[in-house]
Amino acid sequence: MTRIAALTLEQAPTASRTALEGVQKGLGFIPNAFKTMAHAPAALNGYLALAQALGKSSLSVAEREVVALATSEVNGCDYCIAAHSFFGSKAGLNAGDIQQARSGSLSAVATLARQITESRGQLSDGQLAAAHEAGLSDSKIIEVVAQVTLLTLTNYLNNIAGTAIDFPPSAQ
């Protein structure tokens, strides 16, 4: 049940409209997560700015989707699991890859994202050493942390708001 309403473009505060129009232009529609975040223009614009910056990181599109899936699974966000299963398939992940990303077993990036989320950022020395041994540089590790942070914002918001899923349901 929706607890915070998704706003239409016309209902959104003026300070959110340009951002929502940009999302619509980029995706062809405005997902309910953004329509919900539009209640708080600073949050919406901050989220989009961080997402844009992370789009220039060394993480590939597929790796960013892997982080999103692992993080969203741990945080129990059905909305983000559906959205990132959809986007992950567009980035070349098959159904098996998506399931392995969610469980943290697809790659070192998936494992690290899941460990960061489960531990709330309190990785053990052994976990950090394993990430390095798997070939993740300090730079890549920091980018995974940033991507987990971005996803945690939408995970928590969608869980609190009860955002209606407007993506095809994910294969469970």
Protein backbone atom coordinates (compact mmCIF):
# COMPACT_ATOMS: atom_id res chain seq x y z
CA MET A 1 0.00 0.00 0.00
CA THR A 2 1.34 3.40 -0.99
CA ARG A 3 2.05 5.57 2.06
CA ILE A 4 3.61 8.58 0.30
CA ALA A 5 1.94 9.45 -2.99
CA ALA A 6 3.82 9.64 -6.25
CA LEU A 7 3.27 13.12 -7.69
CA THR A 8 2.35 13.90 -11.26
CA LEU A 9 4.54 16.39 -13.06
CA GLU A 10 1.84 19.02 -12.53
CA GLN A 11 1.61 18.29 -8.78
CA ALA A 12 5.37 18.34 -8.22
CA PRO A 13 7.00 21.38 -6.63
CA THR A 14 8.41 23.74 -9.22
CA ALA A 15 11.95 22.94 -8.06
CA SER A 16 11.41 19.25 -8.94
CA ARG A 17 9.82 19.68 -12.36
CA THR A 18 12.97 20.25 -14.41
CA ALA A 19 14.56 17.14 -12.90
CA LEU A 20 11.44 15.07 -13.56
CA GLU A 21 11.30 16.32 -17.14
CA GLY A 22 14.94 15.25 -17.55
CA VAL A 23 14.14 11.78 -16.22
CA GLN A 24 11.19 11.53 -18.60
CA LYS A 25 13.35 12.58 -21.53
CA GLY A 26 16.04 10.05 -20.62
CA LEU A 27 13.83 7.06 -19.82
CA GLY A 28 10.68 7.81 -21.80
CA PHE A 29 8.63 7.90 -18.59
CA ILE A 30 8.95 9.03 -14.99
CA PRO A 31 9.24 6.06 -12.60
CA ASN A 32 7.18 6.26 -9.41
CA ALA A 33 10.37 6.35 -7.31
CA PHE A 34 11.24 9.74 -8.82
CA LYS A 35 7.65 10.96 -8.62
CA THR A 36 7.72 10.13 -4.91
CA MET A 37 11.14 11.70 -4.33
CA ALA A 38 9.82 14.85 -6.06
CA HIS A 39 8.14 15.87 -2.78
CA ALA A 40 11.63 16.94 -1.68
CA PRO A 41 13.40 18.78 -4.51
CA ALA A 42 16.75 18.80 -2.68
CA ALA A 43 16.64 15.02 -2.27
CA LEU A 44 15.60 14.45 -5.90
CA ASN A 45 18.22 16.78 -7.32
CA GLY A 46 20.92 15.45 -4.98
CA TYR A 47 20.11 11.86 -5.93
CA LEU A 48 20.21 12.66 -9.64
CA ALA A 49 23.49 14.59 -9.30
CA LEU A 50 25.15 11.67 -7.50
CA ALA A 51 23.74 9.18 -10.02
CA GLN A 52 25.09 11.28 -12.87
CA ALA A 53 28.52 11.56 -11.24
CA LEU A 54 28.66 7.80 -10.58
CA GLY A 55 27.77 7.20 -14.22
CA LYS A 56 31.28 8.46 -14.94
CA SER A 57 32.96 6.05 -12.52
CA SER A 58 35.02 3.05 -13.54
CA LEU A 59 32.04 0.78 -12.80
CA SER A 60 30.38 -0.39 -16.01
CA VAL A 61 26.62 -0.03 -16.46
CA ALA A 62 26.26 -3.75 -15.74
CA GLU A 63 28.40 -3.49 -12.59
CA ARG A 64 26.28 -0.57 -11.34
CA GLU A 65 23.17 -2.72 -11.86
CA VAL A 66 24.85 -5.60 -10.01
CA VAL A 67 25.50 -3.30 -7.04
CA ALA A 68 21.89 -2.09 -7.22
CA LEU A 69 20.54 -5.64 -7.21
CA ALA A 70 22.75 -6.86 -4.34
CA THR A 71 21.99 -3.79 -2.22
CA SER A 72 18.26 -3.86 -2.95
CA GLU A 73 18.04 -7.56 -2.08
CA VAL A 74 19.63 -7.01 1.33
CA ASN A 75 17.44 -3.95 1.97
CA GLY A 76 14.29 -5.80 0.90
CA CYS A 77 13.28 -3.21 -1.70
CA ASP A 78 10.93 -4.92 -4.14
CA TYR A 79 10.59 -1.72 -6.16
CA CYS A 80 14.35 -1.45 -6.78
CA ILE A 81 14.72 -5.18 -7.41
CA ALA A 82 12.10 -4.89 -10.17
CA ALA A 83 13.62 -1.68 -11.59
CA HIS A 84 17.20 -2.94 -11.58
CA SER A 85 16.27 -6.38 -12.89
CA PHE A 86 14.73 -4.50 -15.83
CA PHE A 87 17.73 -2.17 -16.27
CA GLY A 88 20.17 -5.03 -15.64
CA SER A 89 18.64 -7.04 -18.46
CA LYS A 90 19.07 -3.98 -20.70
CA ALA A 91 22.76 -3.91 -19.63
CA GLY A 92 23.28 -7.52 -20.69
CA LEU A 93 22.54 -9.45 -17.50
CA ASN A 94 20.51 -12.62 -18.02
CA ALA A 95 18.06 -14.05 -15.48
CA GLY A 96 20.76 -16.19 -13.86
CA ASP A 97 23.13 -13.24 -13.60
CA ILE A 98 20.38 -11.19 -11.96
CA GLN A 99 19.72 -13.91 -9.37
CA GLN A 100 23.47 -14.26 -8.68
CA ALA A 101 23.84 -10.47 -8.38
CA ARG A 102 21.01 -10.42 -5.84
CA SER A 103 22.68 -13.17 -3.79
CA GLY A 104 26.09 -11.50 -4.05
CA SER A 105 27.66 -14.45 -5.85
CA LEU A 106 27.95 -13.11 -9.43
CA SER A 107 31.25 -11.26 -9.04
CA ALA A 108 33.60 -9.57 -6.63
CA VAL A 109 31.56 -6.38 -7.09
CA ALA A 110 28.34 -8.20 -6.15
CA THR A 111 29.96 -9.82 -3.12
CA LEU A 112 31.40 -6.52 -1.93
CA ALA A 113 28.11 -4.64 -2.42
CA ARG A 114 26.23 -7.24 -0.44
CA GLN A 115 28.84 -7.27 2.34
CA ILE A 116 28.85 -3.48 2.59
CA THR A 117 25.05 -3.39 2.83
CA GLU A 118 24.75 -6.28 5.28
CA SER A 119 27.44 -4.88 7.56
CA ARG A 120 26.33 -1.24 7.23
CA GLY A 121 29.82 -0.44 6.00
CA GLN A 122 31.64 -2.29 8.78
CA LEU A 123 33.75 -4.61 6.60
CA SER A 124 36.25 -6.86 8.32
CA ASP A 125 39.92 -6.75 7.38
CA GLY A 126 39.42 -10.16 5.74
CA GLN A 127 36.51 -8.95 3.60
CA LEU A 128 38.49 -5.93 2.42
CA ALA A 129 41.53 -8.12 1.70
CA ALA A 130 39.32 -10.53 -0.27
CA ALA A 131 38.01 -7.65 -2.39
CA HIS A 132 41.60 -6.60 -3.13
CA GLU A 133 42.59 -10.20 -3.87
CA ALA A 134 39.66 -10.44 -6.30
CA GLY A 135 41.17 -7.54 -8.23
CA LEU A 136 39.21 -4.59 -6.89
CA SER A 137 41.34 -1.47 -6.52
CA ASP A 138 40.82 1.03 -3.74
CA SER A 139 39.17 3.31 -6.32
CA LYS A 140 36.72 0.61 -7.40
CA ILE A 141 35.92 -0.24 -3.77
CA ILE A 142 35.11 3.41 -3.05
CA GLU A 143 32.90 3.56 -6.16
CA VAL A 144 31.01 0.47 -4.96
CA VAL A 145 30.52 2.17 -1.57
CA ALA A 146 29.14 5.26 -3.34
CA GLN A 147 26.82 3.14 -5.50
CA VAL A 148 25.56 1.27 -2.40
CA THR A 149 24.90 4.64 -0.78
CA LEU A 150 22.89 5.84 -3.78
CA LEU A 151 20.80 2.67 -3.79
CA THR A 152 20.26 2.71 -0.05
CA LEU A 153 18.56 6.11 -0.44
CA THR A 154 16.04 4.78 -2.94
CA ASN A 155 15.67 1.46 -1.11
CA TYR A 156 14.77 3.16 2.14
CA LEU A 157 12.51 5.71 0.47
CA ASN A 158 10.60 3.09 -1.50
CA ASN A 159 10.27 0.83 1.54
CA ILE A 160 8.93 3.69 3.66
CA ALA A 161 6.70 5.15 0.93
CA GLY A 162 5.34 1.82 -0.29
CA THR A 163 6.07 3.00 -3.82
CA ALA A 164 3.90 1.23 -6.40
CA ILE A 165 6.08 -0.86 -8.71
CA ASP A 166 5.84 0.39 -12.28
CA PHE A 167 8.46 -1.93 -13.77
CA PRO A 168 7.91 -5.52 -14.91
CA PRO A 169 8.05 -7.78 -11.83
CA SER A 170 11.38 -9.47 -11.26
CA ALA A 171 11.77 -13.22 -11.50
CA GLN A 172 11.96 -14.38 -7.89
